[in-house]
Every structure is written in C-alpha cells, then in structure tokens.
Amino acid sequence: MLPKLLNGIGILLMTGVILIAIPLTLPKLFGYHIYGILTESMEPEYPAGSAVYVKEAAFDEIKTGDPITFQMGTDTRLVATHRVVGIEEEKQQFRTKGDANESEDTTPVDFSRVIGKVVFGIPVLGTISFYLNSWSGAITCMAAFVMAFVLWVTADKIKSKERAK
C-alpha cells in the first residue's frame, strides 16, 4: 500500500511540472513568442500576470484593433503589448493604446520594433513563468524532480523488502 502511495505522489509531482512546462515551451516549436503581461494596461482581456502568445506577422496583416507586442525602444529588450488604434503607413508606424489606459501611447511604434501580433493569452501563466525563470523557481523545479525520484526509489526499496519476506 505504501509503495503505491509513494509512486502516486511522485507521478503527481512529475505530472505537475510537465503540465506547467508544456504551455511555456511547446508553442515555441510552432513559432510563437511568449511574454508576460506585467501591468494592468491591457485589462480586462489580458490581466497583469497573463502570458500572451505572439506570432510574427507582416505589417500589412496587422489591422486597427489588433493587439501587438513591440520593443519599447531600439536600445532596449523591454517589450510592451498594446492595441493598435491607428496606422500611419507613410511613416511606417502604429499608434497604440493599452485597453485600460485613458489615452494613446505618446510615442508611435515603428514597424521595425514590432515583434508580432498577439494570438491569445492565458491568465496567471505569466506570473508562473516569471517565477520559474527565477532562482527560487528553478530550485523548486529541481526539488520536485529530486523528490519524485526519492519517492520512486523509496517505493521500490519497500517493494523489494516486502518480496524478500
């Protein structure tokens, strides 16, 4: 009975880690970029803590009303996700605004800074991703793997002792 319980707990630990990792890794194989939403500017559609899945898109595929993810400047790796509220083709710029913001962003987004169009988002997953990419998150994942392994080895030793009796 105890070996089955230990095996079950180990399986649950591993399944949990895998289920959390799948939406943070698998979409990348299909060309999606995954970003966390850090502020409330895109609420209610993309609340703070959400993960958004961004697909590269040609500039002529991006329309007014589409949410896009873009570099905040040419000299930074920081990104933002806001909705396109206007397109200035001659200047090759998008005018953007956060859904929850009162006014448009002060600086238009040059086409060259656009990463892509948001396809969908998953609430809370951005917070989980941020945690898993920290030292404490990495240690938590490693601890879950080690704990599952220890549980499986312990269950196997108990089974072996029971058979030897």
N, C-alpha and C. Protein backbone atom coordinates (compact mmCIF):
# COMPACT_ATOMS: atom_id res chain seq x y z
N MET A 1 0.82 -1.19 0.00
CA MET A 1 0.00 0.00 0.00
C MET A 1 0.87 1.27 0.00
N LEU A 2 1.87 1.33 0.88
CA LEU A 2 2.75 2.49 0.96
C LEU A 2 3.53 2.71 -0.34
N PRO A 3 4.07 1.65 -0.97
CA PRO A 3 4.78 1.89 -2.24
C PRO A 3 3.88 2.51 -3.31
N LYS A 4 2.62 2.09 -3.38
CA LYS A 4 1.71 2.67 -4.37
C LYS A 4 1.46 4.15 -4.09
N LEU A 5 1.32 4.48 -2.81
CA LEU A 5 1.10 5.87 -2.43
C LEU A 5 2.32 6.73 -2.81
N LEU A 6 3.53 6.23 -2.49
CA LEU A 6 4.74 6.97 -2.82
C LEU A 6 4.90 7.13 -4.33
N ASN A 7 4.64 6.06 -5.08
CA ASN A 7 4.69 6.15 -6.55
C ASN A 7 3.68 7.17 -7.06
N GLY A 8 2.48 7.15 -6.51
CA GLY A 8 1.43 8.08 -6.93
C GLY A 8 1.81 9.53 -6.69
N ILE A 9 2.38 9.80 -5.51
CA ILE A 9 2.81 11.17 -5.21
C ILE A 9 3.92 11.60 -6.16
N GLY A 10 4.86 10.70 -6.43
CA GLY A 10 5.95 11.01 -7.38
C GLY A 10 5.40 11.30 -8.76
N ILE A 11 4.43 10.51 -9.19
CA ILE A 11 3.82 10.74 -10.52
C ILE A 11 3.09 12.08 -10.54
N LEU A 12 2.38 12.41 -9.47
CA LEU A 12 1.69 13.71 -9.42
C LEU A 12 2.67 14.87 -9.49
N LEU A 13 3.79 14.77 -8.78
CA LEU A 13 4.81 15.83 -8.83
C LEU A 13 5.33 16.02 -10.25
N MET A 14 5.70 14.91 -10.90
CA MET A 14 6.24 14.99 -12.26
C MET A 14 5.19 15.50 -13.25
N THR A 15 3.96 15.02 -13.09
CA THR A 15 2.89 15.46 -13.98
C THR A 15 2.66 16.96 -13.83
N GLY A 16 2.68 17.46 -12.59
CA GLY A 16 2.51 18.90 -12.36
C GLY A 16 3.58 19.73 -13.05
N VAL A 17 4.84 19.31 -12.91
CA VAL A 17 5.94 20.04 -13.54
C VAL A 17 5.78 20.01 -15.06
N ILE A 18 5.44 18.87 -15.61
CA ILE A 18 5.28 18.74 -17.06
C ILE A 18 4.11 19.58 -17.56
N LEU A 19 2.99 19.53 -16.85
CA LEU A 19 1.82 20.30 -17.27
C LEU A 19 2.06 21.80 -17.23
N ILE A 20 2.89 22.25 -16.30
CA ILE A 20 3.23 23.67 -16.25
C ILE A 20 4.22 24.01 -17.37
N ALA A 21 5.14 23.09 -17.67
CA ALA A 21 6.17 23.36 -18.68
C ALA A 21 5.62 23.35 -20.11
N ILE A 22 4.62 22.53 -20.38
CA ILE A 22 4.12 22.39 -21.76
C ILE A 22 3.66 23.72 -22.36
N PRO A 23 2.78 24.49 -21.71
CA PRO A 23 2.36 25.74 -22.36
C PRO A 23 3.44 26.82 -22.40
N LEU A 24 4.54 26.60 -21.68
CA LEU A 24 5.64 27.57 -21.70
C LEU A 24 6.74 27.19 -22.69
N THR A 25 6.66 25.98 -23.24
CA THR A 25 7.72 25.54 -24.15
C THR A 25 7.20 25.08 -25.51
N LEU A 26 6.19 24.25 -25.53
CA LEU A 26 5.70 23.65 -26.78
C LEU A 26 5.32 24.69 -27.85
N PRO A 27 4.61 25.77 -27.50
CA PRO A 27 4.26 26.74 -28.55
C PRO A 27 5.47 27.35 -29.26
N LYS A 28 6.61 27.40 -28.58
CA LYS A 28 7.82 27.95 -29.21
C LYS A 28 8.24 27.12 -30.42
N LEU A 29 7.95 25.83 -30.39
CA LEU A 29 8.26 24.97 -31.54
C LEU A 29 7.45 25.34 -32.78
N PHE A 30 6.33 26.00 -32.56
CA PHE A 30 5.46 26.40 -33.66
C PHE A 30 5.59 27.88 -34.01
N GLY A 31 6.66 28.51 -33.53
CA GLY A 31 6.96 29.89 -33.90
C GLY A 31 6.34 30.96 -33.03
N TYR A 32 5.78 30.61 -31.90
CA TYR A 32 5.19 31.62 -31.01
C TYR A 32 6.25 32.13 -30.04
N HIS A 33 6.17 33.42 -29.75
CA HIS A 33 6.96 34.03 -28.69
C HIS A 33 6.01 34.19 -27.51
N ILE A 34 6.50 33.96 -26.31
CA ILE A 34 5.65 34.02 -25.12
C ILE A 34 6.18 35.13 -24.21
N TYR A 35 5.27 36.04 -23.85
CA TYR A 35 5.64 37.17 -22.99
C TYR A 35 4.65 37.28 -21.84
N GLY A 36 5.14 37.77 -20.71
CA GLY A 36 4.28 38.01 -19.56
C GLY A 36 3.76 39.43 -19.56
N ILE A 37 2.52 39.60 -19.16
CA ILE A 37 1.92 40.93 -19.01
C ILE A 37 2.18 41.38 -17.57
N LEU A 38 2.91 42.48 -17.41
CA LEU A 38 3.33 42.92 -16.08
C LEU A 38 2.41 43.97 -15.47
N THR A 39 1.66 44.69 -16.30
CA THR A 39 0.84 45.78 -15.78
C THR A 39 -0.63 45.55 -16.12
N GLU A 40 -1.47 46.42 -15.62
CA GLU A 40 -2.91 46.32 -15.85
C GLU A 40 -3.35 47.04 -17.12
N SER A 41 -2.43 47.52 -17.94
CA SER A 41 -2.79 48.36 -19.09
C SER A 41 -3.64 47.64 -20.13
N MET A 42 -3.62 46.32 -20.17
CA MET A 42 -4.41 45.60 -21.18
C MET A 42 -5.62 44.88 -20.58
N GLU A 43 -5.98 45.23 -19.35
CA GLU A 43 -7.16 44.63 -18.73
C GLU A 43 -8.41 45.17 -19.41
N PRO A 44 -9.47 44.41 -19.50
CA PRO A 44 -9.68 43.11 -18.87
C PRO A 44 -9.24 41.92 -19.73
N GLU A 45 -8.95 42.14 -21.03
CA GLU A 45 -8.64 40.99 -21.89
C GLU A 45 -7.37 40.26 -21.49
N TYR A 46 -6.33 41.00 -21.15
CA TYR A 46 -5.06 40.39 -20.74
C TYR A 46 -4.67 40.98 -19.38
N PRO A 47 -5.15 40.38 -18.28
CA PRO A 47 -4.83 40.92 -16.95
C PRO A 47 -3.34 40.80 -16.62
N ALA A 48 -2.88 41.62 -15.70
CA ALA A 48 -1.50 41.51 -15.22
C ALA A 48 -1.27 40.08 -14.75
N GLY A 49 -0.13 39.52 -15.11
CA GLY A 49 0.18 38.13 -14.75
C GLY A 49 -0.16 37.13 -15.84
N SER A 50 -0.79 37.60 -16.92
CA SER A 50 -1.12 36.70 -18.03
C SER A 50 0.13 36.44 -18.87
N ALA A 51 0.10 35.36 -19.62
CA ALA A 51 1.10 35.11 -20.66
C ALA A 51 0.39 35.33 -21.99
N VAL A 52 1.05 36.05 -22.90
CA VAL A 52 0.49 36.22 -24.24
C VAL A 52 1.37 35.49 -25.24
N TYR A 53 0.71 34.91 -26.23
CA TYR A 53 1.38 34.16 -27.29
C TYR A 53 1.36 35.03 -28.54
N VAL A 54 2.56 35.33 -29.02
CA VAL A 54 2.73 36.30 -30.10
C VAL A 54 3.30 35.59 -31.32
N LYS A 55 2.68 35.84 -32.47
CA LYS A 55 3.13 35.25 -33.73
C LYS A 55 3.60 36.38 -34.63
N GLU A 56 4.75 36.19 -35.26
CA GLU A 56 5.23 37.21 -36.19
C GLU A 56 4.19 37.40 -37.28
N ALA A 57 4.05 38.66 -37.71
CA ALA A 57 3.07 38.98 -38.74
C ALA A 57 3.64 40.07 -39.64
N ALA A 58 3.32 39.98 -40.91
CA ALA A 58 3.72 41.05 -41.83
C ALA A 58 2.96 42.31 -41.44
N PHE A 59 3.55 43.46 -41.69
CA PHE A 59 2.94 44.72 -41.26
C PHE A 59 1.57 44.93 -41.89
N ASP A 60 1.40 44.46 -43.13
CA ASP A 60 0.09 44.63 -43.78
C ASP A 60 -0.97 43.67 -43.24
N GLU A 61 -0.56 42.70 -42.40
CA GLU A 61 -1.52 41.79 -41.76
C GLU A 61 -2.03 42.35 -40.44
N ILE A 62 -1.38 43.39 -39.94
CA ILE A 62 -1.78 43.99 -38.66
C ILE A 62 -2.77 45.11 -38.96
N LYS A 63 -3.93 45.00 -38.32
CA LYS A 63 -5.02 45.95 -38.56
C LYS A 63 -5.33 46.73 -37.28
N THR A 64 -6.04 47.82 -37.44
CA THR A 64 -6.52 48.57 -36.29
C THR A 64 -7.38 47.64 -35.44
N GLY A 65 -7.12 47.65 -34.15
CA GLY A 65 -7.84 46.78 -33.22
C GLY A 65 -7.05 45.56 -32.81
N ASP A 66 -5.99 45.22 -33.54
CA ASP A 66 -5.16 44.06 -33.18
C ASP A 66 -4.23 44.40 -32.02
N PRO A 67 -4.09 43.50 -31.04
CA PRO A 67 -3.07 43.71 -30.02
C PRO A 67 -1.72 43.26 -30.58
N ILE A 68 -0.69 44.07 -30.36
CA ILE A 68 0.65 43.74 -30.84
C ILE A 68 1.63 43.81 -29.67
N THR A 69 2.73 43.08 -29.82
CA THR A 69 3.83 43.16 -28.86
C THR A 69 5.00 43.79 -29.60
N PHE A 70 5.65 44.74 -28.95
CA PHE A 70 6.71 45.50 -29.60
C PHE A 70 7.80 45.87 -28.60
N GLN A 71 9.00 46.10 -29.14
CA GLN A 71 10.10 46.59 -28.31
C GLN A 71 9.79 48.02 -27.92
N MET A 72 10.05 48.36 -26.67
CA MET A 72 9.72 49.70 -26.20
C MET A 72 10.66 50.77 -26.76
N GLY A 73 11.80 50.35 -27.24
CA GLY A 73 12.75 51.27 -27.85
C GLY A 73 13.77 50.48 -28.65
N THR A 74 14.58 51.18 -29.41
CA THR A 74 15.58 50.49 -30.21
C THR A 74 16.78 50.04 -29.39
N ASP A 75 16.96 50.64 -28.22
CA ASP A 75 18.13 50.31 -27.39
C ASP A 75 17.76 49.52 -26.13
N THR A 76 16.63 48.83 -26.16
CA THR A 76 16.20 48.06 -25.00
C THR A 76 15.58 46.74 -25.44
N ARG A 77 15.61 45.77 -24.54
CA ARG A 77 14.97 44.48 -24.82
C ARG A 77 13.57 44.44 -24.18
N LEU A 78 13.18 45.51 -23.47
CA LEU A 78 11.86 45.56 -22.85
C LEU A 78 10.79 45.60 -23.93
N VAL A 79 9.69 44.91 -23.67
CA VAL A 79 8.59 44.88 -24.63
C VAL A 79 7.30 45.33 -23.95
N ALA A 80 6.35 45.70 -24.77
CA ALA A 80 5.01 46.05 -24.30
C ALA A 80 4.00 45.42 -25.25
N THR A 81 2.81 45.20 -24.73
CA THR A 81 1.71 44.71 -25.55
C THR A 81 0.58 45.71 -25.43
N HIS A 82 0.22 46.35 -26.55
CA HIS A 82 -0.89 47.30 -26.59
C HIS A 82 -1.66 47.08 -27.90
N ARG A 83 -2.83 47.67 -27.97
CA ARG A 83 -3.70 47.51 -29.12
C ARG A 83 -3.43 48.62 -30.14
N VAL A 84 -3.45 48.25 -31.41
CA VAL A 84 -3.28 49.22 -32.50
C VAL A 84 -4.56 50.05 -32.61
N VAL A 85 -4.40 51.38 -32.52
CA VAL A 85 -5.56 52.27 -32.66
C VAL A 85 -5.46 53.11 -33.93
N GLY A 86 -4.33 53.02 -34.61
CA GLY A 86 -4.16 53.75 -35.86
C GLY A 86 -2.89 53.29 -36.57
N ILE A 87 -2.92 53.44 -37.88
CA ILE A 87 -1.76 53.03 -38.68
C ILE A 87 -1.36 54.21 -39.56
N GLU A 88 -0.09 54.59 -39.50
CA GLU A 88 0.45 55.65 -40.32
C GLU A 88 1.41 55.02 -41.32
N GLU A 89 0.86 54.58 -42.43
CA GLU A 89 1.64 53.82 -43.43
C GLU A 89 2.83 54.62 -43.95
N GLU A 90 2.62 55.93 -44.24
CA GLU A 90 3.70 56.74 -44.80
C GLU A 90 4.87 56.89 -43.84
N LYS A 91 4.59 56.90 -42.53
CA LYS A 91 5.65 56.99 -41.52
C LYS A 91 6.10 55.61 -41.05
N GLN A 92 5.42 54.57 -41.50
CA GLN A 92 5.66 53.19 -41.10
C GLN A 92 5.62 53.07 -39.57
N GLN A 93 4.47 53.49 -39.02
CA GLN A 93 4.28 53.46 -37.58
C GLN A 93 2.86 53.04 -37.23
N PHE A 94 2.76 52.41 -36.05
CA PHE A 94 1.45 52.10 -35.47
C PHE A 94 1.24 53.04 -34.30
N ARG A 95 0.02 53.53 -34.17
CA ARG A 95 -0.37 54.24 -32.95
C ARG A 95 -1.02 53.20 -32.05
N THR A 96 -0.65 53.16 -30.78
CA THR A 96 -1.12 52.11 -29.87
C THR A 96 -1.68 52.71 -28.59
N LYS A 97 -2.42 51.85 -27.88
CA LYS A 97 -3.02 52.25 -26.61
C LYS A 97 -3.30 50.99 -25.81
N GLY A 98 -3.02 51.05 -24.52
CA GLY A 98 -3.43 49.98 -23.63
C GLY A 98 -4.93 50.04 -23.45
N ASP A 99 -5.60 48.89 -23.43
CA ASP A 99 -7.06 48.87 -23.31
C ASP A 99 -7.56 49.63 -22.08
N ALA A 100 -6.84 49.54 -20.98
CA ALA A 100 -7.27 50.18 -19.74
C ALA A 100 -6.75 51.61 -19.60
N ASN A 101 -5.94 52.05 -20.54
CA ASN A 101 -5.37 53.40 -20.45
C ASN A 101 -6.35 54.43 -20.99
N GLU A 102 -6.27 55.64 -20.44
CA GLU A 102 -7.16 56.73 -20.85
C GLU A 102 -6.81 57.25 -22.25
N SER A 103 -5.52 57.29 -22.57
CA SER A 103 -5.12 57.91 -23.83
C SER A 103 -4.13 57.02 -24.58
N GLU A 104 -3.91 57.40 -25.84
CA GLU A 104 -2.94 56.70 -26.68
C GLU A 104 -1.54 56.82 -26.10
N ASP A 105 -0.69 55.87 -26.48
CA ASP A 105 0.72 55.96 -26.10
C ASP A 105 1.32 57.20 -26.76
N THR A 106 2.22 57.87 -26.06
CA THR A 106 2.78 59.13 -26.57
C THR A 106 3.70 58.93 -27.76
N THR A 107 4.35 57.76 -27.84
CA THR A 107 5.28 57.50 -28.92
C THR A 107 4.73 56.42 -29.84
N PRO A 108 4.59 56.73 -31.13
CA PRO A 108 4.15 55.68 -32.06
C PRO A 108 5.20 54.57 -32.16
N VAL A 109 4.76 53.40 -32.58
CA VAL A 109 5.65 52.23 -32.68
C VAL A 109 6.08 52.07 -34.14
N ASP A 110 7.38 52.21 -34.38
CA ASP A 110 7.90 51.97 -35.73
C ASP A 110 7.68 50.51 -36.11
N PHE A 111 7.36 50.27 -37.37
CA PHE A 111 7.16 48.90 -37.85
C PHE A 111 8.34 48.01 -37.45
N SER A 112 9.55 48.56 -37.46
CA SER A 112 10.76 47.76 -37.18
C SER A 112 10.82 47.26 -35.74
N ARG A 113 10.05 47.86 -34.84
CA ARG A 113 10.07 47.43 -33.43
C ARG A 113 8.98 46.40 -33.10
N VAL A 114 8.14 46.09 -34.06
CA VAL A 114 7.04 45.14 -33.82
C VAL A 114 7.58 43.71 -33.81
N ILE A 115 7.26 42.97 -32.75
CA ILE A 115 7.63 41.56 -32.65
C ILE A 115 6.57 40.70 -33.33
N GLY A 116 5.31 41.06 -33.10
CA GLY A 116 4.24 40.32 -33.74
C GLY A 116 2.88 40.64 -33.16
N LYS A 117 1.91 39.88 -33.61
CA LYS A 117 0.51 40.05 -33.22
C LYS A 117 0.16 39.03 -32.13
N VAL A 118 -0.55 39.48 -31.10
CA VAL A 118 -0.98 38.58 -30.03
C VAL A 118 -2.08 37.68 -30.58
N VAL A 119 -1.90 36.37 -30.41
CA VAL A 119 -2.87 35.40 -30.88
C VAL A 119 -3.83 35.02 -29.76
N PHE A 120 -3.29 34.80 -28.56
CA PHE A 120 -4.12 34.51 -27.40
C PHE A 120 -3.31 34.69 -26.13
N GLY A 121 -4.01 34.69 -25.00
CA GLY A 121 -3.36 34.84 -23.71
C GLY A 121 -3.93 33.86 -22.70
N ILE A 122 -3.14 33.55 -21.70
CA ILE A 122 -3.58 32.66 -20.62
C ILE A 122 -3.34 33.38 -19.29
N PRO A 123 -4.42 33.69 -18.55
CA PRO A 123 -4.26 34.38 -17.27
C PRO A 123 -3.38 33.57 -16.30
N VAL A 124 -2.64 34.26 -15.47
CA VAL A 124 -1.79 33.73 -14.39
C VAL A 124 -0.51 33.05 -14.90
N LEU A 125 -0.50 32.54 -16.10
CA LEU A 125 0.65 31.79 -16.61
C LEU A 125 1.90 32.67 -16.69
N GLY A 126 1.75 33.95 -16.92
CA GLY A 126 2.91 34.85 -16.96
C GLY A 126 3.59 34.93 -15.60
N THR A 127 2.79 34.97 -14.55
CA THR A 127 3.35 35.01 -13.19
C THR A 127 4.09 33.71 -12.89
N ILE A 128 3.50 32.59 -13.28
CA ILE A 128 4.15 31.29 -13.07
C ILE A 128 5.46 31.23 -13.85
N SER A 129 5.44 31.68 -15.09
CA SER A 129 6.65 31.69 -15.92
C SER A 129 7.74 32.56 -15.30
N PHE A 130 7.35 33.73 -14.83
CA PHE A 130 8.31 34.63 -14.20
C PHE A 130 8.96 33.95 -12.99
N TYR A 131 8.13 33.27 -12.18
CA TYR A 131 8.65 32.57 -11.00
C TYR A 131 9.59 31.44 -11.42
N LEU A 132 9.19 30.64 -12.41
CA LEU A 132 10.01 29.50 -12.83
C LEU A 132 11.35 29.94 -13.43
N ASN A 133 11.41 31.16 -13.95
CA ASN A 133 12.65 31.67 -14.52
C ASN A 133 13.53 32.37 -13.47
N SER A 134 13.09 32.33 -12.21
CA SER A 134 13.90 32.89 -11.12
C SER A 134 14.70 31.75 -10.47
N TRP A 135 15.66 32.11 -9.61
CA TRP A 135 16.43 31.09 -8.90
C TRP A 135 15.53 30.22 -8.04
N SER A 136 14.61 30.84 -7.33
CA SER A 136 13.74 30.06 -6.44
C SER A 136 12.82 29.14 -7.25
N GLY A 137 12.40 29.58 -8.43
CA GLY A 137 11.58 28.72 -9.29
C GLY A 137 12.37 27.54 -9.82
N ALA A 138 13.61 27.79 -10.23
CA ALA A 138 14.47 26.70 -10.71
C ALA A 138 14.73 25.70 -9.60
N ILE A 139 14.97 26.20 -8.39
CA ILE A 139 15.20 25.31 -7.25
C ILE A 139 13.93 24.50 -6.95
N THR A 140 12.77 25.14 -7.05
CA THR A 140 11.50 24.43 -6.82
C THR A 140 11.32 23.29 -7.83
N CYS A 141 11.61 23.57 -9.10
CA CYS A 141 11.50 22.51 -10.13
C CYS A 141 12.49 21.38 -9.86
N MET A 142 13.72 21.74 -9.54
CA MET A 142 14.71 20.70 -9.25
C MET A 142 14.29 19.89 -8.02
N ALA A 143 13.76 20.57 -7.02
CA ALA A 143 13.31 19.88 -5.80
C ALA A 143 12.17 18.92 -6.12
N ALA A 144 11.28 19.32 -7.01
CA ALA A 144 10.16 18.44 -7.40
C ALA A 144 10.70 17.19 -8.10
N PHE A 145 11.68 17.36 -8.99
CA PHE A 145 12.29 16.21 -9.67
C PHE A 145 12.99 15.29 -8.67
N VAL A 146 13.78 15.88 -7.78
CA VAL A 146 14.51 15.09 -6.78
C VAL A 146 13.53 14.37 -5.86
N MET A 147 12.49 15.07 -5.41
CA MET A 147 11.50 14.47 -4.52
C MET A 147 10.79 13.30 -5.21
N ALA A 148 10.42 13.47 -6.47
CA ALA A 148 9.77 12.38 -7.21
C ALA A 148 10.71 11.18 -7.31
N PHE A 149 11.98 11.43 -7.61
CA PHE A 149 12.96 10.35 -7.73
C PHE A 149 13.12 9.62 -6.39
N VAL A 150 13.24 10.40 -5.30
CA VAL A 150 13.38 9.80 -3.97
C VAL A 150 12.15 8.96 -3.63
N LEU A 151 10.98 9.48 -3.93
CA LEU A 151 9.75 8.72 -3.66
C LEU A 151 9.73 7.41 -4.44
N TRP A 152 10.13 7.45 -5.71
CA TRP A 152 10.12 6.23 -6.53
C TRP A 152 11.15 5.21 -6.03
N VAL A 153 12.34 5.68 -5.67
CA VAL A 153 13.38 4.78 -5.15
C VAL A 153 12.93 4.17 -3.82
N THR A 154 12.36 4.99 -2.96
CA THR A 154 11.87 4.50 -1.66
C THR A 154 10.78 3.46 -1.87
N ALA A 155 9.86 3.73 -2.76
CA ALA A 155 8.77 2.78 -3.05
C ALA A 155 9.35 1.46 -3.57
N ASP A 156 10.36 1.54 -4.43
CA ASP A 156 10.99 0.35 -4.98
C ASP A 156 11.69 -0.47 -3.89
N LYS A 157 12.38 0.21 -2.98
CA LYS A 157 13.06 -0.49 -1.88
C LYS A 157 12.06 -1.17 -0.96
N ILE A 158 10.94 -0.50 -0.67
CA ILE A 158 9.91 -1.11 0.17
C ILE A 158 9.33 -2.35 -0.50
N LYS A 159 9.09 -2.25 -1.81
CA LYS A 159 8.56 -3.40 -2.57
C LYS A 159 9.56 -4.56 -2.52
N SER A 160 10.84 -4.25 -2.70
CA SER A 160 11.86 -5.30 -2.68
C SER A 160 11.93 -5.99 -1.32
N LYS A 161 11.83 -5.22 -0.23
CA LYS A 161 11.85 -5.80 1.12
C LYS A 161 10.63 -6.67 1.36
N GLU A 162 9.46 -6.20 0.85
CA GLU A 162 8.23 -6.98 1.02
C GLU A 162 8.32 -8.29 0.26
N ARG A 163 8.94 -8.29 -0.92
CA ARG A 163 9.08 -9.53 -1.72
C ARG A 163 10.05 -10.50 -1.04
N ALA A 164 11.07 -9.96 -0.37
CA ALA A 164 12.10 -10.79 0.25
C ALA A 164 11.58 -11.51 1.49
N LYS A 165 10.49 -11.05 2.04
CA LYS A 165 9.95 -11.67 3.26
C LYS A 165 9.37 -13.02 3.00
